[in-house]
Amino acid sequence: MTRTVRSRFDHEVGGVVEGCTILERRVVIPPNPVEKRRGVYEYLVEVPPAAAKAEKPDAPRKASAPERGSFTRSTPEERGGVLRRLPPR
Protein backbone atom coordinates (compact mmCIF):
# COMPACT_ATOMS: atom_id res chain seq x y z
CA MET A 1 0.00 0.00 0.00
CA THR A 2 1.28 3.50 -0.76
CA ARG A 3 0.52 6.99 0.46
CA THR A 4 1.78 10.54 -0.11
CA VAL A 5 3.80 12.42 2.50
CA ARG A 6 4.84 16.09 2.37
CA SER A 7 7.99 17.19 4.10
CA ARG A 8 10.25 20.23 4.32
CA PHE A 9 13.28 17.97 4.55
CA ASP A 10 15.15 16.68 1.49
CA HIS A 11 15.38 12.88 1.37
CA GLU A 12 16.52 10.59 -1.42
CA VAL A 13 14.56 7.78 -3.08
CA GLY A 14 15.06 4.60 -1.07
CA GLY A 15 15.32 6.53 2.21
CA VAL A 16 12.86 6.39 5.08
CA VAL A 17 10.24 9.01 5.99
CA GLU A 18 7.83 8.44 8.92
CA GLY A 19 8.81 4.78 9.00
CA CYS A 20 7.96 4.24 5.31
CA THR A 21 10.26 3.62 2.34
CA ILE A 22 10.38 6.38 -0.31
CA LEU A 23 9.42 5.22 -3.81
CA GLU A 24 9.16 8.57 -5.64
CA ARG A 25 10.16 12.16 -4.85
CA ARG A 26 8.67 15.38 -6.24
CA VAL A 27 9.65 19.00 -5.51
CA VAL A 28 6.53 21.05 -4.71
CA ILE A 29 8.31 24.32 -3.81
CA PRO A 30 12.00 24.57 -4.68
CA PRO A 31 14.39 25.73 -1.94
CA ASN A 32 15.68 29.30 -2.09
CA PRO A 33 19.10 29.60 -0.37
CA VAL A 34 19.20 33.41 -0.87
CA GLU A 35 16.10 33.82 1.33
CA LYS A 36 17.20 30.89 3.53
CA ARG A 37 13.94 29.12 2.75
CA ARG A 38 13.60 25.36 2.66
CA GLY A 39 11.79 23.63 -0.12
CA VAL A 40 8.69 21.49 0.18
CA TYR A 41 8.94 17.92 -1.05
CA GLU A 42 6.25 15.35 -1.73
CA TYR A 43 7.12 11.68 -1.36
CA LEU A 44 5.24 8.60 -2.52
CA VAL A 45 6.03 6.05 0.18
CA GLU A 46 5.34 2.37 0.68
CA VAL A 47 3.53 1.72 3.95
CA PRO A 48 4.58 -1.48 5.74
CA PRO A 49 1.69 -3.84 6.55
CA ALA A 50 0.21 -3.28 9.99
CA ALA A 51 0.85 -6.05 12.48
CA ALA A 52 -2.47 -7.65 13.41
CA LYS A 53 -2.99 -8.30 17.09
CA ALA A 54 -3.52 -11.92 17.93
CA GLU A 55 -6.60 -12.14 20.13
CA LYS A 56 -7.06 -15.16 22.35
CA PRO A 57 -10.58 -16.51 21.82
CA ASP A 58 -10.54 -18.41 25.12
CA ALA A 59 -9.51 -15.37 27.16
CA PRO A 60 -12.20 -14.53 29.74
CA ARG A 61 -13.73 -11.08 29.56
CA LYS A 62 -14.46 -8.93 32.57
CA ALA A 63 -17.82 -9.86 34.01
CA SER A 64 -18.47 -6.30 35.19
CA ALA A 65 -17.97 -4.72 31.75
CA PRO A 66 -21.24 -4.50 29.81
CA GLU A 67 -21.39 -5.55 26.17
CA ARG A 68 -20.74 -2.91 23.58
CA GLY A 69 -24.02 -1.33 22.56
CA SER A 70 -25.84 -2.00 25.83
CA PHE A 71 -26.79 1.18 27.58
CA THR A 72 -27.36 -0.10 31.10
CA ARG A 73 -26.59 2.33 33.90
CA SER A 74 -23.98 1.22 36.39
CA THR A 75 -24.73 0.96 40.08
CA PRO A 76 -22.63 2.71 42.75
CA GLU A 77 -21.10 -0.65 43.68
CA GLU A 78 -19.93 -1.17 40.10
CA ARG A 79 -18.42 2.31 39.95
CA GLY A 80 -16.61 1.88 43.25
CA GLY A 81 -15.84 5.58 43.56
CA VAL A 82 -16.49 8.08 46.30
CA LEU A 83 -18.77 11.04 45.70
CA ARG A 84 -17.24 14.27 46.86
CA ARG A 85 -19.48 17.22 47.42
CA LEU A 86 -18.09 20.68 46.85
CA PRO A 87 -18.83 23.34 49.49
CA PRO A 88 -21.16 26.15 48.40
CA ARG A 89 -19.48 29.32 47.20
PDB file of N, CA and C in Angstrom:
ATOM      1  N   MET A   1       0.849  -1.167   0.000  1.00  0.00           N
ATOM      2  CA  MET A   1       0.000   0.000   0.000  1.00  0.00           C
ATOM      3  C   MET A   1       0.897   1.233   0.000  1.00  0.00           C
ATOM      4  N   THR A   2       0.489   2.275  -0.694  1.00  0.00           N
ATOM      5  CA  THR A   2       1.280   3.497  -0.764  1.00  0.00           C
ATOM      6  C   THR A   2       0.450   4.679  -0.275  1.00  0.00           C
ATOM      7  N   ARG A   3       1.174   5.736   0.098  1.00  0.00           N
ATOM      8  CA  ARG A   3       0.518   6.993   0.456  1.00  0.00           C
ATOM      9  C   ARG A   3       1.478   8.132   0.139  1.00  0.00           C
ATOM     10  N   THR A   4       0.979   9.358   0.189  1.00  0.00           N
ATOM     11  CA  THR A   4       1.785  10.539  -0.110  1.00  0.00           C
ATOM     12  C   THR A   4       2.091  11.282   1.184  1.00  0.00           C
ATOM     13  N   VAL A   5       3.361  11.690   1.317  1.00  0.00           N
ATOM     14  CA  VAL A   5       3.799  12.418   2.503  1.00  0.00           C
ATOM     15  C   VAL A   5       4.485  13.693   2.038  1.00  0.00           C
ATOM     16  N   ARG A   6       4.145  14.830   2.649  1.00  0.00           N
ATOM     17  CA  ARG A   6       4.835  16.088   2.373  1.00  0.00           C
ATOM     18  C   ARG A   6       5.813  16.375   3.495  1.00  0.00           C
ATOM     19  N   SER A   7       6.970  16.905   3.112  1.00  0.00           N
ATOM     20  CA  SER A   7       7.994  17.185   4.103  1.00  0.00           C
ATOM     21  C   SER A   7       8.806  18.389   3.655  1.00  0.00           C
ATOM     22  N   ARG A   8       9.368  19.113   4.617  1.00  0.00           N
ATOM     23  CA  ARG A   8      10.252  20.232   4.319  1.00  0.00           C
ATOM     24  C   ARG A   8      11.706  19.784   4.294  1.00  0.00           C
ATOM     25  N   PHE A   9      11.931  18.504   4.523  1.00  0.00           N
ATOM     26  CA  PHE A   9      13.281  17.971   4.545  1.00  0.00           C
ATOM     27  C   PHE A   9      13.542  17.191   3.263  1.00  0.00           C
ATOM     28  N   ASP A  10      14.762  17.311   2.743  1.00  0.00           N
ATOM     29  CA  ASP A  10      15.151  16.684   1.489  1.00  0.00           C
ATOM     30  C   ASP A  10      15.668  15.279   1.755  1.00  0.00           C
ATOM     31  N   HIS A  11      14.972  14.271   1.255  1.00  0.00           N
ATOM     32  CA  HIS A  11      15.379  12.875   1.374  1.00  0.00           C
ATOM     33  C   HIS A  11      15.542  12.301  -0.022  1.00  0.00           C
ATOM     34  N   GLU A  12      16.296  11.250  -0.136  1.00  0.00           N
ATOM     35  CA  GLU A  12      16.519  10.591  -1.421  1.00  0.00           C
ATOM     36  C   GLU A  12      15.583   9.389  -1.570  1.00  0.00           C
ATOM     37  N   VAL A  13      15.370   8.965  -2.805  1.00  0.00           N
ATOM     38  CA  VAL A  13      14.563   7.779  -3.085  1.00  0.00           C
ATOM     39  C   VAL A  13      15.265   6.573  -2.461  1.00  0.00           C
ATOM     40  N   GLY A  14      14.505   5.752  -1.773  1.00  0.00           N
ATOM     41  CA  GLY A  14      15.064   4.603  -1.066  1.00  0.00           C
ATOM     42  C   GLY A  14      15.272   4.886   0.410  1.00  0.00           C
ATOM     43  N   GLY A  15      15.190   6.160   0.802  1.00  0.00           N
ATOM     44  CA  GLY A  15      15.318   6.535   2.206  1.00  0.00           C
ATOM     45  C   GLY A  15      14.041   6.223   2.973  1.00  0.00           C
ATOM     46  N   VAL A  16      14.011   6.660   4.224  1.00  0.00           N
ATOM     47  CA  VAL A  16      12.858   6.386   5.080  1.00  0.00           C
ATOM     48  C   VAL A  16      12.288   7.704   5.594  1.00  0.00           C
ATOM     49  N   VAL A  17      10.967   7.854   5.458  1.00  0.00           N
ATOM     50  CA  VAL A  17      10.240   9.007   5.991  1.00  0.00           C
ATOM     51  C   VAL A  17       9.064   8.464   6.782  1.00  0.00           C
ATOM     52  N   GLU A  18       8.923   8.872   8.047  1.00  0.00           N
ATOM     53  CA  GLU A  18       7.827   8.442   8.916  1.00  0.00           C
ATOM     54  C   GLU A  18       7.698   6.920   8.959  1.00  0.00           C
ATOM     55  N   GLY A  19       8.819   6.230   8.916  1.00  0.00           N
ATOM     56  CA  GLY A  19       8.806   4.778   9.001  1.00  0.00           C
ATOM     57  C   GLY A  19       8.422   4.074   7.715  1.00  0.00           C
ATOM     58  N   CYS A  20       8.346   4.808   6.602  1.00  0.00           N
ATOM     59  CA  CYS A  20       7.963   4.235   5.314  1.00  0.00           C
ATOM     60  C   CYS A  20       9.097   4.447   4.308  1.00  0.00           C
ATOM     61  N   THR A  21       9.220   3.541   3.344  1.00  0.00           N
ATOM     62  CA  THR A  21      10.264   3.619   2.336  1.00  0.00           C
ATOM     63  C   THR A  21       9.823   4.516   1.186  1.00  0.00           C
ATOM     64  N   ILE A  22      10.698   5.431   0.761  1.00  0.00           N
ATOM     65  CA  ILE A  22      10.384   6.376  -0.307  1.00  0.00           C
ATOM     66  C   ILE A  22      10.492   5.678  -1.655  1.00  0.00           C
ATOM     67  N   LEU A  23       9.431   5.778  -2.470  1.00  0.00           N
ATOM     68  CA  LEU A  23       9.418   5.217  -3.810  1.00  0.00           C
ATOM     69  C   LEU A  23       9.655   6.289  -4.866  1.00  0.00           C
ATOM     70  N   GLU A  24       9.019   7.451  -4.692  1.00  0.00           N
ATOM     71  CA  GLU A  24       9.160   8.567  -5.637  1.00  0.00           C
ATOM     72  C   GLU A  24       9.300   9.866  -4.863  1.00  0.00           C
ATOM     73  N   ARG A  25       9.960  10.842  -5.484  1.00  0.00           N
ATOM     74  CA  ARG A  25      10.158  12.158  -4.854  1.00  0.00           C
ATOM     75  C   ARG A  25       9.780  13.235  -5.860  1.00  0.00           C
ATOM     76  N   ARG A  26       9.069  14.253  -5.396  1.00  0.00           N
ATOM     77  CA  ARG A  26       8.671  15.378  -6.240  1.00  0.00           C
ATOM     78  C   ARG A  26       8.893  16.674  -5.480  1.00  0.00           C
ATOM     79  N   VAL A  27       9.430  17.694  -6.145  1.00  0.00           N
ATOM     80  CA  VAL A  27       9.651  18.998  -5.514  1.00  0.00           C
ATOM     81  C   VAL A  27       8.393  19.832  -5.721  1.00  0.00           C
ATOM     82  N   VAL A  28       7.748  20.227  -4.629  1.00  0.00           N
ATOM     83  CA  VAL A  28       6.533  21.047  -4.708  1.00  0.00           C
ATOM     84  C   VAL A  28       6.929  22.518  -4.765  1.00  0.00           C
ATOM     85  N   ILE A  29       7.777  22.956  -3.831  1.00  0.00           N
ATOM     86  CA  ILE A  29       8.310  24.322  -3.808  1.00  0.00           C
ATOM     87  C   ILE A  29       9.828  24.199  -3.735  1.00  0.00           C
ATOM     88  N   PRO A  30      10.545  24.711  -4.715  1.00  0.00           N
ATOM     89  CA  PRO A  30      12.003  24.569  -4.681  1.00  0.00           C
ATOM     90  C   PRO A  30      12.613  25.406  -3.560  1.00  0.00           C
ATOM     91  N   PRO A  31      13.734  24.948  -2.996  1.00  0.00           N
ATOM     92  CA  PRO A  31      14.386  25.727  -1.940  1.00  0.00           C
ATOM     93  C   PRO A  31      15.011  26.995  -2.514  1.00  0.00           C
ATOM     94  N   ASN A  32      15.083  28.036  -1.678  1.00  0.00           N
ATOM     95  CA  ASN A  32      15.684  29.298  -2.090  1.00  0.00           C
ATOM     96  C   ASN A  32      16.765  29.660  -1.069  1.00  0.00           C
ATOM     97  N   PRO A  33      18.046  29.344  -1.347  1.00  0.00           N
ATOM     98  CA  PRO A  33      19.102  29.604  -0.367  1.00  0.00           C
ATOM     99  C   PRO A  33      19.336  31.095  -0.105  1.00  0.00           C
ATOM    100  N   VAL A  34      19.008  31.968  -1.069  1.00  0.00           N
ATOM    101  CA  VAL A  34      19.199  33.410  -0.874  1.00  0.00           C
ATOM    102  C   VAL A  34      18.299  33.906   0.252  1.00  0.00           C
ATOM    103  N   GLU A  35      17.047  33.430   0.279  1.00  0.00           N
ATOM    104  CA  GLU A  35      16.101  33.819   1.329  1.00  0.00           C
ATOM    105  C   GLU A  35      16.157  32.879   2.525  1.00  0.00           C
ATOM    106  N   LYS A  36      17.058  31.904   2.478  1.00  0.00           N
ATOM    107  CA  LYS A  36      17.197  30.892   3.533  1.00  0.00           C
ATOM    108  C   LYS A  36      15.865  30.174   3.783  1.00  0.00           C
ATOM    109  N   ARG A  37      15.234  29.786   2.666  1.00  0.00           N
ATOM    110  CA  ARG A  37      13.944  29.117   2.753  1.00  0.00           C
ATOM    111  C   ARG A  37      14.089  27.683   2.266  1.00  0.00           C
ATOM    112  N   ARG A  38      13.582  26.760   3.057  1.00  0.00           N
ATOM    113  CA  ARG A  38      13.601  25.358   2.665  1.00  0.00           C
ATOM    114  C   ARG A  38      12.561  25.095   1.603  1.00  0.00           C
ATOM    115  N   GLY A  39      12.768  24.035   0.872  1.00  0.00           N
ATOM    116  CA  GLY A  39      11.793  23.627  -0.115  1.00  0.00           C
ATOM    117  C   GLY A  39      10.743  22.729   0.514  1.00  0.00           C
ATOM    118  N   VAL A  40       9.719  22.421  -0.260  1.00  0.00           N
ATOM    119  CA  VAL A  40       8.687  21.485   0.176  1.00  0.00           C
ATOM    120  C   VAL A  40       8.726  20.326  -0.804  1.00  0.00           C
ATOM    121  N   TYR A  41       8.804  19.118  -0.247  1.00  0.00           N
ATOM    122  CA  TYR A  41       8.937  17.918  -1.053  1.00  0.00           C
ATOM    123  C   TYR A  41       7.755  17.002  -0.793  1.00  0.00           C
ATOM    124  N   GLU A  42       7.343  16.300  -1.840  1.00  0.00           N
ATOM    125  CA  GLU A  42       6.253  15.345  -1.729  1.00  0.00           C
ATOM    126  C   GLU A  42       6.815  13.975  -2.069  1.00  0.00           C
ATOM    127  N   TYR A  43       6.577  13.019  -1.190  1.00  0.00           N
ATOM    128  CA  TYR A  43       7.115  11.676  -1.362  1.00  0.00           C
ATOM    129  C   TYR A  43       5.987  10.673  -1.485  1.00  0.00           C
ATOM    130  N   LEU A  44       6.125   9.749  -2.439  1.00  0.00           N
ATOM    131  CA  LEU A  44       5.235   8.601  -2.523  1.00  0.00           C
ATOM    132  C   LEU A  44       5.961   7.497  -1.772  1.00  0.00           C
ATOM    133  N   VAL A  45       5.354   7.015  -0.691  1.00  0.00           N
ATOM    134  CA  VAL A  45       6.027   6.051   0.181  1.00  0.00           C
ATOM    135  C   VAL A  45       5.232   4.754   0.240  1.00  0.00           C
ATOM    136  N   GLU A  46       5.963   3.678   0.502  1.00  0.00           N
ATOM    137  CA  GLU A  46       5.339   2.373   0.681  1.00  0.00           C
ATOM    138  C   GLU A  46       5.130   2.145   2.162  1.00  0.00           C
ATOM    139  N   VAL A  47       3.883   1.913   2.550  1.00  0.00           N
ATOM    140  CA  VAL A  47       3.535   1.716   3.950  1.00  0.00           C
ATOM    141  C   VAL A  47       3.705   0.241   4.287  1.00  0.00           C
ATOM    142  N   PRO A  48       4.452  -0.067   5.364  1.00  0.00           N
ATOM    143  CA  PRO A  48       4.577  -1.478   5.744  1.00  0.00           C
ATOM    144  C   PRO A  48       3.241  -1.999   6.258  1.00  0.00           C
ATOM    145  N   PRO A  49       2.972  -3.289   6.075  1.00  0.00           N
ATOM    146  CA  PRO A  49       1.694  -3.844   6.551  1.00  0.00           C
ATOM    147  C   PRO A  49       1.607  -3.747   8.067  1.00  0.00           C
ATOM    148  N   ALA A  50       0.427  -3.417   8.546  1.00  0.00           N
ATOM    149  CA  ALA A  50       0.212  -3.282   9.990  1.00  0.00           C
ATOM    150  C   ALA A  50       0.187  -4.664  10.627  1.00  0.00           C
ATOM    151  N   ALA A  51       0.827  -4.772  11.764  1.00  0.00           N
ATOM    152  CA  ALA A  51       0.846  -6.046  12.482  1.00  0.00           C
ATOM    153  C   ALA A  51      -0.507  -6.248  13.149  1.00  0.00           C
ATOM    154  N   ALA A  52      -1.159  -7.353  12.823  1.00  0.00           N
ATOM    155  CA  ALA A  52      -2.466  -7.648  13.408  1.00  0.00           C
ATOM    156  C   ALA A  52      -2.262  -8.232  14.803  1.00  0.00           C
ATOM    157  N   LYS A  53      -3.069  -7.772  15.738  1.00  0.00           N
ATOM    158  CA  LYS A  53      -2.993  -8.296  17.094  1.00  0.00           C
ATOM    159  C   LYS A  53      -3.652  -9.666  17.151  1.00  0.00           C
ATOM    160  N   ALA A  54      -2.972 -10.589  17.770  1.00  0.00           N
ATOM    161  CA  ALA A  54      -3.522 -11.925  17.929  1.00  0.00           C
ATOM    162  C   ALA A  54      -4.389 -11.931  19.186  1.00  0.00           C
ATOM    163  N   GLU A  55      -5.674 -12.150  18.996  1.00  0.00           N
ATOM    164  CA  GLU A  55      -6.595 -12.137  20.126  1.00  0.00           C
ATOM    165  C   GLU A  55      -6.858 -13.576  20.557  1.00  0.00           C
ATOM    166  N   LYS A  56      -6.805 -13.819  21.829  1.00  0.00           N
ATOM    167  CA  LYS A  56      -7.065 -15.158  22.345  1.00  0.00           C
ATOM    168  C   LYS A  56      -8.571 -15.361  22.471  1.00  0.00           C
ATOM    169  N   PRO A  57      -9.138 -16.319  21.746  1.00  0.00           N
ATOM    170  CA  PRO A  57     -10.582 -16.515  21.817  1.00  0.00           C
ATOM    171  C   PRO A  57     -11.035 -17.102  23.155  1.00  0.00           C
ATOM    172  N   ASP A  58     -10.145 -17.805  23.857  1.00  0.00           N
ATOM    173  CA  ASP A  58     -10.536 -18.414  25.116  1.00  0.00           C
ATOM    174  C   ASP A  58     -10.262 -17.506  26.312  1.00  0.00           C
ATOM    175  N   ALA A  59      -9.794 -16.289  26.064  1.00  0.00           N
ATOM    176  CA  ALA A  59      -9.508 -15.365  27.163  1.00  0.00           C
ATOM    177  C   ALA A  59     -10.822 -14.876  27.785  1.00  0.00           C
ATOM    178  N   PRO A  60     -10.958 -14.978  29.108  1.00  0.00           N
ATOM    179  CA  PRO A  60     -12.200 -14.534  29.744  1.00  0.00           C
ATOM    180  C   PRO A  60     -12.295 -13.008  29.744  1.00  0.00           C
ATOM    181  N   ARG A  61     -13.499 -12.517  29.516  1.00  0.00           N
ATOM    182  CA  ARG A  61     -13.727 -11.076  29.558  1.00  0.00           C
ATOM    183  C   ARG A  61     -14.152 -10.686  30.959  1.00  0.00           C
ATOM    184  N   LYS A  62     -14.018  -9.414  31.257  1.00  0.00           N
ATOM    185  CA  LYS A  62     -14.457  -8.935  32.568  1.00  0.00           C
ATOM    186  C   LYS A  62     -15.963  -9.105  32.690  1.00  0.00           C
ATOM    187  N   ALA A  63     -16.390  -9.639  33.802  1.00  0.00           N
ATOM    188  CA  ALA A  63     -17.817  -9.861  34.013  1.00  0.00           C
ATOM    189  C   ALA A  63     -18.535  -8.540  34.279  1.00  0.00           C
ATOM    190  N   SER A  64     -17.831  -7.558  34.837  1.00  0.00           N
ATOM    191  CA  SER A  64     -18.474  -6.298  35.193  1.00  0.00           C
ATOM    192  C   SER A  64     -18.641  -5.371  33.992  1.00  0.00           C
ATOM    193  N   ALA A  65     -17.881  -5.592  32.916  1.00  0.00           N
ATOM    194  CA  ALA A  65     -17.974  -4.720  31.750  1.00  0.00           C
ATOM    195  C   ALA A  65     -19.182  -5.113  30.913  1.00  0.00           C
ATOM    196  N   PRO A  66     -20.082  -4.167  30.634  1.00  0.00           N
ATOM    197  CA  PRO A  66     -21.244  -4.500  29.808  1.00  0.00           C
ATOM    198  C   PRO A  66     -20.824  -4.686  28.355  1.00  0.00           C
ATOM    199  N   GLU A  67     -21.660  -5.357  27.581  1.00  0.00           N
ATOM    200  CA  GLU A  67     -21.387  -5.551  26.168  1.00  0.00           C
ATOM    201  C   GLU A  67     -21.458  -4.218  25.460  1.00  0.00           C
ATOM    202  N   ARG A  68     -20.715  -4.136  24.378  1.00  0.00           N
ATOM    203  CA  ARG A  68     -20.735  -2.910  23.584  1.00  0.00           C
ATOM    204  C   ARG A  68     -22.124  -2.753  22.964  1.00  0.00           C
ATOM    205  N   GLY A  69     -22.693  -1.576  23.103  1.00  0.00           N
ATOM    206  CA  GLY A  69     -24.020  -1.335  22.557  1.00  0.00           C
ATOM    207  C   GLY A  69     -25.118  -1.435  23.594  1.00  0.00           C
ATOM    208  N   SER A  70     -24.808  -1.963  24.796  1.00  0.00           N
ATOM    209  CA  SER A  70     -25.840  -1.999  25.832  1.00  0.00           C
ATOM    210  C   SER A  70     -25.703  -0.719  26.652  1.00  0.00           C
ATOM    211  N   PHE A  71     -26.799  -0.104  26.896  1.00  0.00           N
ATOM    212  CA  PHE A  71     -26.790   1.185  27.579  1.00  0.00           C
ATOM    213  C   PHE A  71     -27.387   1.059  28.972  1.00  0.00           C
ATOM    214  N   THR A  72     -26.898   0.115  29.746  1.00  0.00           N
ATOM    215  CA  THR A  72     -27.361  -0.098  31.105  1.00  0.00           C
ATOM    216  C   THR A  72     -26.574   0.806  32.034  1.00  0.00           C
ATOM    217  N   ARG A  73     -27.277   1.453  32.942  1.00  0.00           N
ATOM    218  CA  ARG A  73     -26.588   2.326  33.897  1.00  0.00           C
ATOM    219  C   ARG A  73     -25.876   1.472  34.931  1.00  0.00           C
ATOM    220  N   SER A  74     -24.726   1.957  35.372  1.00  0.00           N
ATOM    221  CA  SER A  74     -23.979   1.224  36.392  1.00  0.00           C
ATOM    222  C   SER A  74     -24.468   1.621  37.777  1.00  0.00           C
ATOM    223  N   THR A  75     -24.337   0.707  38.693  1.00  0.00           N
ATOM    224  CA  THR A  75     -24.731   0.963  40.077  1.00  0.00           C
ATOM    225  C   THR A  75     -23.538   1.545  40.829  1.00  0.00           C
ATOM    226  N   PRO A  76     -23.761   2.165  41.978  1.00  0.00           N
ATOM    227  CA  PRO A  76     -22.634   2.712  42.748  1.00  0.00           C
ATOM    228  C   PRO A  76     -21.602   1.649  43.121  1.00  0.00           C
ATOM    229  N   GLU A  77     -22.048   0.407  43.344  1.00  0.00           N
ATOM    230  CA  GLU A  77     -21.103  -0.654  43.676  1.00  0.00           C
ATOM    231  C   GLU A  77     -20.191  -0.964  42.495  1.00  0.00           C
ATOM    232  N   GLU A  78     -20.745  -0.894  41.281  1.00  0.00           N
ATOM    233  CA  GLU A  78     -19.928  -1.166  40.100  1.00  0.00           C
ATOM    234  C   GLU A  78     -18.931  -0.045  39.849  1.00  0.00           C
ATOM    235  N   ARG A  79     -19.318   1.182  40.149  1.00  0.00           N
ATOM    236  CA  ARG A  79     -18.418   2.314  39.948  1.00  0.00           C
ATOM    237  C   ARG A  79     -17.304   2.310  40.980  1.00  0.00           C
ATOM    238  N   GLY A  80     -17.623   1.999  42.208  1.00  0.00           N
ATOM    239  CA  GLY A  80     -16.612   1.879  43.246  1.00  0.00           C
ATOM    240  C   GLY A  80     -15.952   3.180  43.633  1.00  0.00           C
ATOM    241  N   GLY A  81     -16.454   4.291  43.226  1.00  0.00           N
ATOM    242  CA  GLY A  81     -15.845   5.582  43.556  1.00  0.00           C
ATOM    243  C   GLY A  81     -16.531   6.246  44.723  1.00  0.00           C
ATOM    244  N   VAL A  82     -15.935   7.308  45.203  1.00  0.00           N
ATOM    245  CA  VAL A  82     -16.489   8.077  46.304  1.00  0.00           C
ATOM    246  C   VAL A  82     -16.997   9.396  45.745  1.00  0.00           C
ATOM    247  N   LEU A  83     -18.224   9.749  46.114  1.00  0.00           N
ATOM    248  CA  LEU A  83     -18.767  11.037  45.701  1.00  0.00           C
ATOM    249  C   LEU A  83     -18.256  12.113  46.634  1.00  0.00           C
ATOM    250  N   ARG A  84     -17.720  13.150  46.045  1.00  0.00           N
ATOM    251  CA  ARG A  84     -17.243  14.272  46.863  1.00  0.00           C
ATOM    252  C   ARG A  84     -18.142  15.463  46.579  1.00  0.00           C
ATOM    253  N   ARG A  85     -18.616  16.051  47.590  1.00  0.00           N
ATOM    254  CA  ARG A  85     -19.484  17.217  47.421  1.00  0.00           C
ATOM    255  C   ARG A  85     -18.648  18.468  47.640  1.00  0.00           C
ATOM    256  N   LEU A  86     -18.824  19.424  46.733  1.00  0.00           N
ATOM    257  CA  LEU A  86     -18.092  20.680  46.849  1.00  0.00           C
ATOM    258  C   LEU A  86     -18.862  21.619  47.782  1.00  0.00           C
ATOM    259  N   PRO A  87     -18.133  22.375  48.615  1.00  0.00           N
ATOM    260  CA  PRO A  87     -18.826  23.338  49.485  1.00  0.00           C
ATOM    261  C   PRO A  87     -19.445  24.464  48.661  1.00  0.00           C
ATOM    262  N   PRO A  88     -20.531  25.050  49.145  1.00  0.00           N
ATOM    263  CA  PRO A  88     -21.157  26.155  48.404  1.00  0.00           C
ATOM    264  C   PRO A  88     -20.221  27.359  48.364  1.00  0.00           C
ATOM    265  N   ARG A  89     -20.351  28.141  47.362  1.00  0.00           N
ATOM    266  CA  ARG A  89     -19.476  29.317  47.204  1.00  0.00           C
ATOM    267  C   ARG A  89     -19.891  30.445  48.086  1.00  0.00           C
TER     268      ARG A  89
END
